[in-house]
């Protein structure tokens, strides 16, 4: 069991990963921005999303449904192409 890690070492490894990837700095900046905001926003999560660059007003479920439909359409078209290629 040489690959066994203690919970503390896992936490430390994860902290290093977050720091190395810039997540700690990005979160610190957004939290400082929220703290320094003169008028506190009603929804802090939306503020953080906007600050981090997330698009506003996007319906994720609608996008997932559209993606699923497009995947099904693609599979159907690939099947049609395969059938037509057999005829040629």
C-alpha atoms as a PDB file:
ATOM      1  CA  UNK A   1       0.000   0.000   0.000  1.00  0.00           C
ATOM      2  CA  UNK A   2       2.598   2.510  -1.003  1.00  0.00           C
ATOM      3  CA  UNK A   3      -0.030   4.686  -2.742  1.00  0.00           C
ATOM      4  CA  UNK A   4      -1.988   5.278   0.471  1.00  0.00           C
ATOM      5  CA  UNK A   5      -2.319   8.959   1.333  1.00  0.00           C
ATOM      6  CA  UNK A   6      -3.548  10.389   4.579  1.00  0.00           C
ATOM      7  CA  UNK A   7      -6.434  12.832   4.414  1.00  0.00           C
ATOM      8  CA  UNK A   8      -4.059  15.622   5.399  1.00  0.00           C
ATOM      9  CA  UNK A   9      -1.632  14.826   2.581  1.00  0.00           C
ATOM     10  CA  UNK A  10      -4.549  14.746   0.108  1.00  0.00           C
ATOM     11  CA  UNK A  11      -5.623  18.182   1.303  1.00  0.00           C
ATOM     12  CA  UNK A  12      -2.090  19.492   0.978  1.00  0.00           C
ATOM     13  CA  UNK A  13      -1.774  18.062  -2.542  1.00  0.00           C
ATOM     14  CA  UNK A  14      -5.093  19.625  -3.521  1.00  0.00           C
ATOM     15  CA  UNK A  15      -4.037  23.003  -2.109  1.00  0.00           C
ATOM     16  CA  UNK A  16      -0.839  22.848  -4.153  1.00  0.00           C
ATOM     17  CA  UNK A  17      -2.866  22.015  -7.256  1.00  0.00           C
ATOM     18  CA  UNK A  18      -5.221  24.976  -6.676  1.00  0.00           C
ATOM     19  CA  UNK A  19      -2.312  27.316  -6.085  1.00  0.00           C
ATOM     20  CA  UNK A  20      -0.343  26.090  -9.095  1.00  0.00           C
ATOM     21  CA  UNK A  21      -3.346  26.398 -11.426  1.00  0.00           C
ATOM     22  CA  UNK A  22      -4.126  29.963 -10.311  1.00  0.00           C
ATOM     23  CA  UNK A  23      -7.441  29.182  -8.658  1.00  0.00           C
ATOM     24  CA  UNK A  24      -6.386  30.606  -5.297  1.00  0.00           C
ATOM     25  CA  UNK A  25      -5.365  33.928  -6.867  1.00  0.00           C
ATOM     26  CA  UNK A  26      -8.553  34.170  -8.936  1.00  0.00           C
ATOM     27  CA  UNK A  27     -10.781  33.451  -5.940  1.00  0.00           C
ATOM     28  CA  UNK A  28      -8.849  35.896  -3.791  1.00  0.00           C
ATOM     29  CA  UNK A  29      -9.280  38.640  -6.400  1.00  0.00           C
ATOM     30  CA  UNK A  30     -13.012  38.055  -6.760  1.00  0.00           C
ATOM     31  CA  UNK A  31     -13.544  37.985  -2.990  1.00  0.00           C
ATOM     32  CA  UNK A  32     -11.520  41.165  -2.526  1.00  0.00           C
ATOM     33  CA  UNK A  33     -13.585  42.779  -5.299  1.00  0.00           C
ATOM     34  CA  UNK A  34     -16.791  41.739  -3.544  1.00  0.00           C
ATOM     35  CA  UNK A  35     -15.482  43.022  -0.211  1.00  0.00           C
ATOM     36  CA  UNK A  36     -14.522  46.385  -1.726  1.00  0.00           C
ATOM     37  CA  UNK A  37     -17.847  46.762  -3.550  1.00  0.00           C
ATOM     38  CA  UNK A  38     -19.528  49.877  -2.058  1.00  0.00           C
ATOM     39  CA  UNK A  39     -23.035  48.528  -2.652  1.00  0.00           C
ATOM     40  CA  UNK A  40     -23.218  44.847  -1.783  1.00  0.00           C
ATOM     41  CA  UNK A  41     -24.962  42.911  -4.539  1.00  0.00           C
ATOM     42  CA  UNK A  42     -28.165  41.112  -3.606  1.00  0.00           C
ATOM     43  CA  UNK A  43     -26.831  37.856  -5.067  1.00  0.00           C
ATOM     44  CA  UNK A  44     -23.157  37.322  -4.296  1.00  0.00           C
ATOM     45  CA  UNK A  45     -22.988  34.141  -6.397  1.00  0.00           C
ATOM     46  CA  UNK A  46     -24.135  36.011  -9.521  1.00  0.00           C
ATOM     47  CA  UNK A  47     -21.570  38.722  -8.782  1.00  0.00           C
ATOM     48  CA  UNK A  48     -18.822  36.103  -8.572  1.00  0.00           C
ATOM     49  CA  UNK A  49     -19.984  34.445 -11.788  1.00  0.00           C
ATOM     50  CA  UNK A  50     -19.963  37.782 -13.638  1.00  0.00           C
ATOM     51  CA  UNK A  51     -16.573  38.700 -12.176  1.00  0.00           C
ATOM     52  CA  UNK A  52     -15.146  35.369 -13.291  1.00  0.00           C
ATOM     53  CA  UNK A  53     -16.532  35.885 -16.797  1.00  0.00           C
ATOM     54  CA  UNK A  54     -19.472  33.497 -16.856  1.00  0.00           C
ATOM     55  CA  UNK A  55     -22.125  34.492 -19.376  1.00  0.00           C
ATOM     56  CA  UNK A  56     -25.285  35.838 -17.799  1.00  0.00           C
ATOM     57  CA  UNK A  57     -28.738  34.543 -18.574  1.00  0.00           C
ATOM     58  CA  UNK A  58     -27.653  31.260 -20.139  1.00  0.00           C
ATOM     59  CA  UNK A  59     -30.067  28.341 -19.789  1.00  0.00           C
ATOM     60  CA  UNK A  60     -27.700  25.436 -19.250  1.00  0.00           C
ATOM     61  CA  UNK A  61     -30.455  22.820 -19.374  1.00  0.00           C
ATOM     62  CA  UNK A  62     -31.656  24.130 -22.751  1.00  0.00           C
ATOM     63  CA  UNK A  63     -28.097  23.990 -24.071  1.00  0.00           C
ATOM     64  CA  UNK A  64     -27.692  20.403 -22.842  1.00  0.00           C
ATOM     65  CA  UNK A  65     -30.972  19.400 -24.471  1.00  0.00           C
ATOM     66  CA  UNK A  66     -29.873  21.031 -27.727  1.00  0.00           C
ATOM     67  CA  UNK A  67     -26.534  19.228 -27.527  1.00  0.00           C
ATOM     68  CA  UNK A  68     -28.267  15.881 -27.026  1.00  0.00           C
ATOM     69  CA  UNK A  69     -30.527  16.555 -30.018  1.00  0.00           C
ATOM     70  CA  UNK A  70     -27.574  17.548 -32.190  1.00  0.00           C
ATOM     71  CA  UNK A  71     -25.708  14.388 -31.196  1.00  0.00           C
ATOM     72  CA  UNK A  72     -28.742  12.303 -32.177  1.00  0.00           C
ATOM     73  CA  UNK A  73     -29.008  14.171 -35.494  1.00  0.00           C
ATOM     74  CA  UNK A  74     -25.317  13.586 -36.156  1.00  0.00           C
ATOM     75  CA  UNK A  75     -25.651   9.862 -35.485  1.00  0.00           C
ATOM     76  CA  UNK A  76     -28.633   9.689 -37.843  1.00  0.00           C
ATOM     77  CA  UNK A  77     -26.725  11.517 -40.583  1.00  0.00           C
ATOM     78  CA  UNK A  78     -23.685   9.282 -40.152  1.00  0.00           C
ATOM     79  CA  UNK A  79     -25.908   6.239 -40.505  1.00  0.00           C
ATOM     80  CA  UNK A  80     -27.455   7.695 -43.665  1.00  0.00           C
ATOM     81  CA  UNK A  81     -23.995   8.388 -45.111  1.00  0.00           C
ATOM     82  CA  UNK A  82     -22.898   4.828 -44.362  1.00  0.00           C
ATOM     83  CA  UNK A  83     -26.006   3.429 -46.093  1.00  0.00           C
ATOM     84  CA  UNK A  84     -25.492   5.660 -49.138  1.00  0.00           C
ATOM     85  CA  UNK A  85     -21.819   4.693 -49.360  1.00  0.00           C
ATOM     86  CA  UNK A  86     -22.828   1.015 -49.459  1.00  0.00           C
ATOM     87  CA  UNK A  87     -25.099   1.702 -52.408  1.00  0.00           C
ATOM     88  CA  UNK A  88     -22.333   3.385 -54.384  1.00  0.00           C
END
